[in-house]
Amino acid sequence: MTAEPQRLQYLEAMGITAWVARYTLPNARPTPVCEWDMPEAAPAEAPGDRLHALLDEAVTPQPLVREAPQPARERTQRPANSRKARALLGDVPEEVAAESSPTIPTEPATAEPAEALRYTVQVGCLDGRWLVLLPGSESPGAPAHRLLDNLLHAAGIDPGHTVAFEAFSWPLAEGMPVYAPLEEAREGFAAFVAGCGRRGWRPQRLLMFGHDETLARVVTLEAGHCPLLDLPAWQGPSLDTLAGSAADKRALLPILAEWRDAWHSSAQGVENADDAPPDV
């Protein structure tokens, strides 16, 4: 088990603030009391560099401290946590580290805190199956909702409920140190979508109406695919642009046929999965 001072050092190295309870809850076990020297002012290092130093320190053999001679209990602990942490940092060979998510371009971390990427996007999900993104801080109004419903109806897609949008903004909190703005912004959005799985979201396809420079860097689309979420993807004009452009509507007609086929084929796949016998 990691000692309390060392645990706090790990958290500090990763840029995570440790909070201590001010009050003792009824019937709660007392918090272990320990003493250690207060660290001097930390140098301006990136969290990854400080964490590397702590990991190197953790794997250095340390003398065992015992209250009484107990040879039977004396043993050397394997630095399992160290290997897991190094896998996250990219130091463990690929065959040792856990299987990772789809590879997307990343940016090198900076030694000094950088400016966080900023964007807001309206996020909705059709029947929990198709993710719909509308870049911008304003929630779509009634005309935009009506146009989206008409497009879906023309494509032969009749979701059980009208898609409800909610705003997702990055960064989540102000004042936090940022060392890899693009990578952190991508991880934040992917974590948000994954967390929506608790509501029943199981995205199978991504539709994005409109364009935003910052969001385009975070949720990249390459040849009809979104590497960040590992989903088939489509991007077109914003709903406001489509509402005022007959040419854009005509250009969208061939795409509607593709949506129809994809929607019904994915629905068939869901039904087959529900009818499959349980694993024994």
C-alpha atoms as a PDB file:
ATOM      1  CA  MET A   1       0.000   0.000   0.000  1.00  0.00           C
ATOM      2  CA  THR A   2       1.362   3.431  -0.939  1.00  0.00           C
ATOM      3  CA  ALA A   3       2.287   5.615   2.032  1.00  0.00           C
ATOM      4  CA  GLU A   4       0.321   8.848   2.451  1.00  0.00           C
ATOM      5  CA  PRO A   5       3.236  11.233   1.776  1.00  0.00           C
ATOM      6  CA  GLN A   6       4.173   9.339  -1.369  1.00  0.00           C
ATOM      7  CA  ARG A   7       0.547   9.280  -2.541  1.00  0.00           C
ATOM      8  CA  LEU A   8       0.325  13.056  -2.150  1.00  0.00           C
ATOM      9  CA  GLN A   9       3.575  13.455  -4.094  1.00  0.00           C
ATOM     10  CA  TYR A  10       2.160  11.396  -6.959  1.00  0.00           C
ATOM     11  CA  LEU A  11      -1.002  13.503  -7.029  1.00  0.00           C
ATOM     12  CA  GLU A  12       1.008  16.739  -6.939  1.00  0.00           C
ATOM     13  CA  ALA A  13       3.262  15.481  -9.748  1.00  0.00           C
ATOM     14  CA  MET A  14       0.229  14.759 -11.909  1.00  0.00           C
ATOM     15  CA  GLY A  15      -1.180  18.237 -11.263  1.00  0.00           C
ATOM     16  CA  ILE A  16      -4.055  16.967  -9.075  1.00  0.00           C
ATOM     17  CA  THR A  17      -4.957  18.914  -5.952  1.00  0.00           C
ATOM     18  CA  ALA A  18      -5.343  16.757  -2.839  1.00  0.00           C
ATOM     19  CA  TRP A  19      -8.219  17.690  -0.557  1.00  0.00           C
ATOM     20  CA  VAL A  20      -8.379  16.871   3.142  1.00  0.00           C
ATOM     21  CA  ALA A  21     -11.620  16.650   5.103  1.00  0.00           C
ATOM     22  CA  ARG A  22     -12.090  19.301   7.793  1.00  0.00           C
ATOM     23  CA  TYR A  23     -14.557  17.290   9.865  1.00  0.00           C
ATOM     24  CA  THR A  24     -14.793  13.677  10.979  1.00  0.00           C
ATOM     25  CA  LEU A  25     -17.935  11.874   9.909  1.00  0.00           C
ATOM     26  CA  PRO A  26     -19.883   9.948  12.582  1.00  0.00           C
ATOM     27  CA  ASN A  27     -18.599   6.391  13.066  1.00  0.00           C
ATOM     28  CA  ALA A  28     -15.829   6.997  10.533  1.00  0.00           C
ATOM     29  CA  ARG A  29     -12.385   5.536  11.063  1.00  0.00           C
ATOM     30  CA  PRO A  30      -9.807   8.112  12.178  1.00  0.00           C
ATOM     31  CA  THR A  31      -7.540   9.483   9.479  1.00  0.00           C
ATOM     32  CA  PRO A  32      -3.953   8.144   9.811  1.00  0.00           C
ATOM     33  CA  VAL A  33      -1.629  10.744  11.228  1.00  0.00           C
ATOM     34  CA  CYS A  34       1.877  11.069   9.836  1.00  0.00           C
ATOM     35  CA  GLU A  35       4.617  13.672   9.694  1.00  0.00           C
ATOM     36  CA  TRP A  36       6.971  14.574   6.871  1.00  0.00           C
ATOM     37  CA  ASP A  37       9.108  17.471   5.826  1.00  0.00           C
ATOM     38  CA  MET A  38       7.363  20.103   3.777  1.00  0.00           C
ATOM     39  CA  PRO A  39       8.749  20.092   0.210  1.00  0.00           C
ATOM     40  CA  GLU A  40      10.600  23.091  -1.096  1.00  0.00           C
ATOM     41  CA  ALA A  41       9.241  25.129  -3.973  1.00  0.00           C
ATOM     42  CA  ALA A  42       8.845  22.735  -6.892  1.00  0.00           C
ATOM     43  CA  PRO A  43      10.752  23.577 -10.100  1.00  0.00           C
ATOM     44  CA  ALA A  44       8.805  24.508 -13.204  1.00  0.00           C
ATOM     45  CA  GLU A  45       8.430  21.023 -14.608  1.00  0.00           C
ATOM     46  CA  ALA A  46       5.661  19.416 -16.557  1.00  0.00           C
ATOM     47  CA  PRO A  47       3.548  16.907 -14.561  1.00  0.00           C
ATOM     48  CA  GLY A  48       4.837  14.060 -16.702  1.00  0.00           C
ATOM     49  CA  ASP A  49       8.483  14.891 -15.908  1.00  0.00           C
ATOM     50  CA  ARG A  50       7.812  15.060 -12.165  1.00  0.00           C
ATOM     51  CA  LEU A  51       5.888  11.806 -12.293  1.00  0.00           C
ATOM     52  CA  HIS A  52       8.808  10.147 -14.111  1.00  0.00           C
ATOM     53  CA  ALA A  53      11.132  11.218 -11.301  1.00  0.00           C
ATOM     54  CA  LEU A  54       8.801   9.808  -8.661  1.00  0.00           C
ATOM     55  CA  LEU A  55       8.483   6.520 -10.534  1.00  0.00           C
ATOM     56  CA  ASP A  56      12.259   6.192 -10.742  1.00  0.00           C
ATOM     57  CA  GLU A  57      12.413   6.859  -7.020  1.00  0.00           C
ATOM     58  CA  ALA A  58       9.686   4.323  -6.321  1.00  0.00           C
ATOM     59  CA  VAL A  59      11.507   1.427  -8.000  1.00  0.00           C
ATOM     60  CA  THR A  60      14.764   2.131  -6.132  1.00  0.00           C
ATOM     61  CA  PRO A  61      15.194  -0.548  -3.420  1.00  0.00           C
ATOM     62  CA  GLN A  62      14.294   0.878  -0.027  1.00  0.00           C
ATOM     63  CA  PRO A  63      15.138  -0.670   3.358  1.00  0.00           C
ATOM     64  CA  LEU A  64      12.161  -2.312   5.003  1.00  0.00           C
ATOM     65  CA  VAL A  65      11.111  -0.825   8.340  1.00  0.00           C
ATOM     66  CA  ARG A  66       9.579  -3.176  10.884  1.00  0.00           C
ATOM     67  CA  GLU A  67       8.493  -2.767  14.465  1.00  0.00           C
ATOM     68  CA  ALA A  68       9.910  -6.154  15.423  1.00  0.00           C
ATOM     69  CA  PRO A  69      11.967  -8.831  13.662  1.00  0.00           C
ATOM     70  CA  GLN A  70       9.518 -10.781  11.518  1.00  0.00           C
ATOM     71  CA  PRO A  71      11.561 -12.614   8.854  1.00  0.00           C
ATOM     72  CA  ALA A  72       8.546 -14.557   7.617  1.00  0.00           C
ATOM     73  CA  ARG A  73       6.795 -11.387   6.517  1.00  0.00           C
ATOM     74  CA  GLU A  74       9.779  -9.720   4.908  1.00  0.00           C
ATOM     75  CA  ARG A  75       9.457  -9.568   1.157  1.00  0.00           C
ATOM     76  CA  THR A  76      10.146  -7.295  -1.777  1.00  0.00           C
ATOM     77  CA  GLN A  77       7.131  -5.681  -3.383  1.00  0.00           C
ATOM     78  CA  ARG A  78       6.847  -5.673  -7.132  1.00  0.00           C
ATOM     79  CA  PRO A  79       6.391  -2.160  -8.570  1.00  0.00           C
ATOM     80  CA  ALA A  80       3.116  -3.047 -10.315  1.00  0.00           C
ATOM     81  CA  ASN A  81       1.718   0.436  -9.977  1.00  0.00           C
ATOM     82  CA  SER A  82       4.929   1.823 -11.407  1.00  0.00           C
ATOM     83  CA  ARG A  83       4.547  -0.276 -14.540  1.00  0.00           C
ATOM     84  CA  LYS A  84       0.923   0.801 -14.951  1.00  0.00           C
ATOM     85  CA  ALA A  85       1.869   4.440 -14.619  1.00  0.00           C
ATOM     86  CA  ARG A  86       4.747   4.018 -17.072  1.00  0.00           C
ATOM     87  CA  ALA A  87       2.328   2.424 -19.508  1.00  0.00           C
ATOM     88  CA  LEU A  88       0.258   5.590 -19.362  1.00  0.00           C
ATOM     89  CA  LEU A  89       3.388   7.647 -19.945  1.00  0.00           C
ATOM     90  CA  GLY A  90       4.438   5.518 -22.908  1.00  0.00           C
ATOM     91  CA  ASP A  91       7.572   3.980 -21.328  1.00  0.00           C
ATOM     92  CA  VAL A  92       6.347   0.363 -21.243  1.00  0.00           C
ATOM     93  CA  PRO A  93       6.711  -1.724 -24.433  1.00  0.00           C
ATOM     94  CA  GLU A  94       3.525  -2.054 -26.448  1.00  0.00           C
ATOM     95  CA  GLU A  95       3.134  -5.762 -25.668  1.00  0.00           C
ATOM     96  CA  VAL A  96       3.157  -5.020 -21.927  1.00  0.00           C
ATOM     97  CA  ALA A  97       0.843  -2.002 -21.881  1.00  0.00           C
ATOM     98  CA  ALA A  98      -2.916  -2.458 -22.117  1.00  0.00           C
ATOM     99  CA  GLU A  99      -4.650  -2.215 -25.466  1.00  0.00           C
ATOM    100  CA  SER A 100      -5.103   1.450 -26.324  1.00  0.00           C
ATOM    101  CA  SER A 101      -7.809   3.405 -28.131  1.00  0.00           C
ATOM    102  CA  PRO A 102      -7.524   4.358 -31.843  1.00  0.00           C
ATOM    103  CA  THR A 103      -4.410   6.401 -32.560  1.00  0.00           C
ATOM    104  CA  ILE A 104      -4.941  10.095 -33.298  1.00  0.00           C
ATOM    105  CA  PRO A 105      -2.350  12.830 -33.811  1.00  0.00           C
ATOM    106  CA  THR A 106      -1.104  14.346 -30.576  1.00  0.00           C
ATOM    107  CA  GLU A 107       0.989  17.334 -29.635  1.00  0.00           C
ATOM    108  CA  PRO A 108       4.078  17.379 -27.383  1.00  0.00           C
ATOM    109  CA  ALA A 109       3.560  18.533 -23.806  1.00  0.00           C
ATOM    110  CA  THR A 110       5.096  21.869 -22.893  1.00  0.00           C
ATOM    111  CA  ALA A 111       7.309  22.527 -19.875  1.00  0.00           C
ATOM    112  CA  GLU A 112       5.400  25.716 -19.053  1.00  0.00           C
ATOM    113  CA  PRO A 113       1.621  25.986 -18.641  1.00  0.00           C
ATOM    114  CA  ALA A 114      -0.101  26.847 -21.923  1.00  0.00           C
ATOM    115  CA  GLU A 115      -3.418  28.390 -22.873  1.00  0.00           C
ATOM    116  CA  ALA A 116      -6.309  25.932 -22.914  1.00  0.00           C
ATOM    117  CA  LEU A 117      -8.313  25.414 -26.108  1.00  0.00           C
ATOM    118  CA  ARG A 118     -11.777  26.924 -25.861  1.00  0.00           C
ATOM    119  CA  TYR A 119     -14.928  25.818 -27.630  1.00  0.00           C
ATOM    120  CA  THR A 120     -18.598  25.094 -27.016  1.00  0.00           C
ATOM    121  CA  VAL A 121     -20.680  22.535 -28.887  1.00  0.00           C
ATOM    122  CA  GLN A 122     -24.306  21.441 -28.657  1.00  0.00           C
ATOM    123  CA  VAL A 123     -24.461  17.658 -28.314  1.00  0.00           C
ATOM    124  CA  GLY A 124     -27.442  15.371 -28.873  1.00  0.00           C
ATOM    125  CA  CYS A 125     -28.002  11.700 -29.655  1.00  0.00           C
ATOM    126  CA  LEU A 126     -30.727  10.203 -31.885  1.00  0.00           C
ATOM    127  CA  ASP A 127     -32.299   7.330 -29.945  1.00  0.00           C
ATOM    128  CA  GLY A 128     -28.921   6.925 -28.223  1.00  0.00           C
ATOM    129  CA  ARG A 129     -27.440   5.715 -31.521  1.00  0.00           C
ATOM    130  CA  TRP A 130     -26.338   8.677 -33.673  1.00  0.00           C
ATOM    131  CA  LEU A 131     -24.350  11.522 -32.173  1.00  0.00           C
ATOM    132  CA  VAL A 132     -25.332  14.982 -33.495  1.00  0.00           C
ATOM    133  CA  LEU A 133     -23.000  17.971 -32.979  1.00  0.00           C
ATOM    134  CA  LEU A 134     -23.845  21.621 -33.560  1.00  0.00           C
ATOM    135  CA  PRO A 135     -20.809  23.888 -32.995  1.00  0.00           C
ATOM    136  CA  GLY A 136     -21.650  27.061 -31.075  1.00  0.00           C
ATOM    137  CA  SER A 137     -22.746  28.278 -27.686  1.00  0.00           C
ATOM    138  CA  GLU A 138     -26.396  28.904 -28.604  1.00  0.00           C
ATOM    139  CA  SER A 139     -28.918  26.105 -28.288  1.00  0.00           C
ATOM    140  CA  PRO A 140     -30.781  25.422 -31.562  1.00  0.00           C
ATOM    141  CA  GLY A 141     -34.138  27.143 -31.788  1.00  0.00           C
ATOM    142  CA  ALA A 142     -37.470  25.827 -33.008  1.00  0.00           C
ATOM    143  CA  PRO A 143     -36.712  26.428 -36.747  1.00  0.00           C
ATOM    144  CA  ALA A 144     -33.441  24.473 -36.486  1.00  0.00           C
ATOM    145  CA  HIS A 145     -35.170  21.609 -34.660  1.00  0.00           C
ATOM    146  CA  ARG A 146     -37.916  21.567 -37.283  1.00  0.00           C
ATOM    147  CA  LEU A 147     -35.398  21.501 -40.147  1.00  0.00           C
ATOM    148  CA  LEU A 148     -33.461  18.644 -38.526  1.00  0.00           C
ATOM    149  CA  ASP A 149     -36.671  16.654 -38.030  1.00  0.00           C
ATOM    150  CA  ASN A 150     -37.620  17.223 -41.686  1.00  0.00           C
ATOM    151  CA  LEU A 151     -34.187  16.088 -42.887  1.00  0.00           C
ATOM    152  CA  LEU A 152     -34.413  12.929 -40.824  1.00  0.00           C
ATOM    153  CA  HIS A 153     -37.959  12.254 -42.029  1.00  0.00           C
ATOM    154  CA  ALA A 154     -36.851  12.720 -45.658  1.00  0.00           C
ATOM    155  CA  ALA A 155     -34.100  10.187 -45.001  1.00  0.00           C
ATOM    156  CA  GLY A 156     -36.611   7.679 -43.647  1.00  0.00           C
ATOM    157  CA  ILE A 157     -35.329   8.095 -40.083  1.00  0.00           C
ATOM    158  CA  ASP A 158     -38.038   8.380 -37.438  1.00  0.00           C
ATOM    159  CA  PRO A 159     -36.424   8.429 -33.982  1.00  0.00           C
ATOM    160  CA  GLY A 160     -38.615   7.685 -31.010  1.00  0.00           C
ATOM    161  CA  HIS A 161     -37.973  11.132 -29.522  1.00  0.00           C
ATOM    162  CA  THR A 162     -36.921  14.527 -30.812  1.00  0.00           C
ATOM    163  CA  VAL A 163     -33.224  14.913 -30.166  1.00  0.00           C
ATOM    164  CA  ALA A 164     -32.465  17.070 -27.120  1.00  0.00           C
ATOM    165  CA  PHE A 165     -29.248  19.077 -27.167  1.00  0.00           C
ATOM    166  CA  GLU A 166     -27.038  20.078 -24.274  1.00  0.00           C
ATOM    167  CA  ALA A 167     -23.994  22.333 -24.311  1.00  0.00           C
ATOM    168  CA  PHE A 168     -20.514  20.999 -23.668  1.00  0.00           C
ATOM    169  CA  SER A 169     -17.821  23.637 -23.092  1.00  0.00           C
ATOM    170  CA  TRP A 170     -14.081  23.254 -22.740  1.00  0.00           C
ATOM    171  CA  PRO A 171     -12.255  23.863 -20.472  1.00  0.00           C
ATOM    172  CA  LEU A 172     -14.467  22.525 -17.711  1.00  0.00           C
ATOM    173  CA  ALA A 173     -12.860  24.785 -15.080  1.00  0.00           C
ATOM    174  CA  GLU A 174     -10.787  27.917 -15.227  1.00  0.00           C
ATOM    175  CA  GLY A 175      -7.347  28.289 -13.675  1.00  0.00           C
ATOM    176  CA  MET A 176      -6.192  24.684 -14.102  1.00  0.00           C
ATOM    177  CA  PRO A 177      -2.641  24.232 -15.463  1.00  0.00           C
ATOM    178  CA  VAL A 178      -2.567  23.067 -19.085  1.00  0.00           C
ATOM    179  CA  TYR A 179       0.513  21.404 -20.603  1.00  0.00           C
ATOM    180  CA  ALA A 180      -0.969  19.655 -23.675  1.00  0.00           C
ATOM    181  CA  PRO A 181      -3.971  21.764 -24.750  1.00  0.00           C
ATOM    182  CA  LEU A 182      -5.046  19.704 -27.756  1.00  0.00           C
ATOM    183  CA  GLU A 183      -4.610  16.299 -26.121  1.00  0.00           C
ATOM    184  CA  GLU A 184      -6.406  17.381 -22.950  1.00  0.00           C
ATOM    185  CA  ALA A 185      -9.292  18.870 -24.939  1.00  0.00           C
ATOM    186  CA  ARG A 186      -9.673  15.621 -26.894  1.00  0.00           C
ATOM    187  CA  GLU A 187      -9.581  13.499 -23.768  1.00  0.00           C
ATOM    188  CA  GLY A 188     -12.177  15.751 -22.154  1.00  0.00           C
ATOM    189  CA  PHE A 189     -14.666  15.441 -25.009  1.00  0.00           C
ATOM    190  CA  ALA A 190     -14.141  11.682 -25.339  1.00  0.00           C
ATOM    191  CA  ALA A 191     -14.695  11.296 -21.580  1.00  0.00           C
ATOM    192  CA  PHE A 192     -17.925  13.314 -21.825  1.00  0.00           C
ATOM    193  CA  VAL A 193     -19.302  11.080 -24.597  1.00  0.00           C
ATOM    194  CA  ALA A 194     -18.250   7.941 -22.727  1.00  0.00           C
ATOM    195  CA  GLY A 195     -19.916   9.221 -19.561  1.00  0.00           C
ATOM    196  CA  CYS A 196     -23.194   9.659 -21.442  1.00  0.00           C
ATOM    197  CA  GLY A 197     -23.273   5.882 -21.723  1.00  0.00           C
ATOM    198  CA  ARG A 198     -24.964   5.963 -18.318  1.00  0.00           C
ATOM    199  CA  ARG A 199     -27.954   7.530 -20.072  1.00  0.00           C
ATOM    200  CA  GLY A 200     -28.044   4.799 -22.660  1.00  0.00           C
ATOM    201  CA  TRP A 201     -25.966   6.501 -25.351  1.00  0.00           C
ATOM    202  CA  ARG A 202     -24.218   3.975 -27.606  1.00  0.00           C
ATOM    203  CA  PRO A 203     -23.065   6.126 -30.555  1.00  0.00           C
ATOM    204  CA  GLN A 204     -22.734   4.311 -33.871  1.00  0.00           C
ATOM    205  CA  ARG A 205     -22.345   7.326 -36.186  1.00  0.00           C
ATOM    206  CA  LEU A 206     -21.499  11.031 -35.962  1.00  0.00           C
ATOM    207  CA  LEU A 207     -23.298  13.891 -37.739  1.00  0.00           C
ATOM    208  CA  MET A 208     -21.869  17.416 -37.465  1.00  0.00           C
ATOM    209  CA  PHE A 209     -23.774  20.417 -38.789  1.00  0.00           C
ATOM    210  CA  GLY A 210     -21.514  23.467 -39.114  1.00  0.00           C
ATOM    211  CA  HIS A 211     -17.843  24.205 -38.607  1.00  0.00           C
ATOM    212  CA  ASP A 212     -15.688  25.620 -35.820  1.00  0.00           C
ATOM    213  CA  GLU A 213     -11.900  25.932 -36.139  1.00  0.00           C
ATOM    214  CA  THR A 214     -11.109  24.820 -32.596  1.00  0.00           C
ATOM    215  CA  LEU A 215     -13.655  22.002 -32.547  1.00  0.00           C
ATOM    216  CA  ALA A 216     -12.306  20.785 -35.902  1.00  0.00           C
ATOM    217  CA  ARG A 217      -8.890  20.304 -34.257  1.00  0.00           C
ATOM    218  CA  VAL A 218     -10.415  18.375 -31.352  1.00  0.00           C
ATOM    219  CA  VAL A 219     -12.972  16.219 -33.180  1.00  0.00           C
ATOM    220  CA  THR A 220     -11.088  15.581 -36.408  1.00  0.00           C
ATOM    221  CA  LEU A 221     -12.861  13.957 -39.355  1.00  0.00           C
ATOM    222  CA  GLU A 222     -10.818  12.039 -41.883  1.00  0.00           C
ATOM    223  CA  ALA A 223     -12.380  10.489 -44.991  1.00  0.00           C
ATOM    224  CA  GLY A 224     -15.758   9.984 -43.367  1.00  0.00           C
ATOM    225  CA  HIS A 225     -14.352   8.743 -40.060  1.00  0.00           C
ATOM    226  CA  CYS A 226     -13.820  10.261 -36.604  1.00  0.00           C
ATOM    227  CA  PRO A 227     -10.613   8.772 -35.100  1.00  0.00           C
ATOM    228  CA  LEU A 228     -11.259  10.265 -31.657  1.00  0.00           C
ATOM    229  CA  LEU A 229     -14.532   8.370 -31.161  1.00  0.00           C
ATOM    230  CA  ASP A 230     -13.814   5.658 -33.747  1.00  0.00           C
ATOM    231  CA  LEU A 231     -17.116   6.304 -35.548  1.00  0.00           C
ATOM    232  CA  PRO A 232     -18.250   6.810 -39.154  1.00  0.00           C
ATOM    233  CA  ALA A 233     -18.766  10.543 -39.528  1.00  0.00           C
ATOM    234  CA  TRP A 234     -20.317  13.183 -41.769  1.00  0.00           C
ATOM    235  CA  GLN A 235     -19.978  16.974 -41.684  1.00  0.00           C
ATOM    236  CA  GLY A 236     -22.011  19.511 -43.628  1.00  0.00           C
ATOM    237  CA  PRO A 237     -23.382  23.040 -43.494  1.00  0.00           C
ATOM    238  CA  SER A 238     -24.977  24.365 -40.337  1.00  0.00           C
ATOM    239  CA  LEU A 239     -28.730  24.085 -39.915  1.00  0.00           C
ATOM    240  CA  ASP A 240     -29.036  27.868 -40.296  1.00  0.00           C
ATOM    241  CA  THR A 241     -27.148  27.717 -43.596  1.00  0.00           C
ATOM    242  CA  LEU A 242     -29.284  24.815 -44.851  1.00  0.00           C
ATOM    243  CA  ALA A 243     -32.450  26.678 -43.917  1.00  0.00           C
ATOM    244  CA  GLY A 244     -31.567  29.547 -46.273  1.00  0.00           C
ATOM    245  CA  SER A 245     -29.906  27.667 -49.145  1.00  0.00           C
ATOM    246  CA  ALA A 246     -31.850  25.577 -51.642  1.00  0.00           C
ATOM    247  CA  ALA A 247     -28.570  24.522 -53.320  1.00  0.00           C
ATOM    248  CA  ASP A 248     -27.220  23.072 -50.071  1.00  0.00           C
ATOM    249  CA  LYS A 249     -30.478  21.175 -49.543  1.00  0.00           C
ATOM    250  CA  ARG A 250     -30.273  19.650 -53.041  1.00  0.00           C
ATOM    251  CA  ALA A 251     -26.626  18.676 -52.461  1.00  0.00           C
ATOM    252  CA  LEU A 252     -27.716  16.858 -49.314  1.00  0.00           C
ATOM    253  CA  LEU A 253     -30.262  14.618 -51.066  1.00  0.00           C
ATOM    254  CA  PRO A 254     -27.784  11.824 -52.023  1.00  0.00           C
ATOM    255  CA  ILE A 255     -26.488  11.823 -48.443  1.00  0.00           C
ATOM    256  CA  LEU A 256     -30.008  11.266 -47.072  1.00  0.00           C
ATOM    257  CA  ALA A 257     -30.202   7.939 -48.918  1.00  0.00           C
ATOM    258  CA  GLU A 258     -26.948   6.844 -47.277  1.00  0.00           C
ATOM    259  CA  TRP A 259     -28.308   7.861 -43.869  1.00  0.00           C
ATOM    260  CA  ARG A 260     -31.456   5.794 -44.448  1.00  0.00           C
ATOM    261  CA  ASP A 261     -29.493   2.648 -45.275  1.00  0.00           C
ATOM    262  CA  ALA A 262     -27.077   3.148 -42.371  1.00  0.00           C
ATOM    263  CA  TRP A 263     -29.885   3.845 -39.871  1.00  0.00           C
ATOM    264  CA  HIS A 264     -31.898   0.749 -40.740  1.00  0.00           C
ATOM    265  CA  SER A 265     -28.847  -1.522 -40.975  1.00  0.00           C
ATOM    266  CA  SER A 266     -27.665  -0.380 -37.552  1.00  0.00           C
ATOM    267  CA  ALA A 267     -31.184  -0.881 -36.149  1.00  0.00           C
ATOM    268  CA  GLN A 268     -31.151  -4.455 -37.479  1.00  0.00           C
ATOM    269  CA  GLY A 269     -27.825  -5.013 -35.768  1.00  0.00           C
ATOM    270  CA  VAL A 270     -29.265  -3.795 -32.454  1.00  0.00           C
ATOM    271  CA  GLU A 271     -32.270  -6.133 -32.774  1.00  0.00           C
ATOM    272  CA  ASN A 272     -30.019  -9.104 -33.524  1.00  0.00           C
ATOM    273  CA  ALA A 273     -27.895  -8.294 -30.480  1.00  0.00           C
ATOM    274  CA  ASP A 274     -31.015  -8.158 -28.276  1.00  0.00           C
ATOM    275  CA  ASP A 275     -32.274 -11.495 -29.613  1.00  0.00           C
ATOM    276  CA  ALA A 276     -28.929 -13.258 -29.164  1.00  0.00           C
ATOM    277  CA  PRO A 277     -28.909 -15.900 -26.390  1.00  0.00           C
ATOM    278  CA  PRO A 278     -26.966 -14.980 -23.263  1.00  0.00           C
ATOM    279  CA  ASP A 279     -23.440 -16.253 -22.843  1.00  0.00           C
ATOM    280  CA  VAL A 280     -23.137 -19.339 -20.679  1.00  0.00           C
END
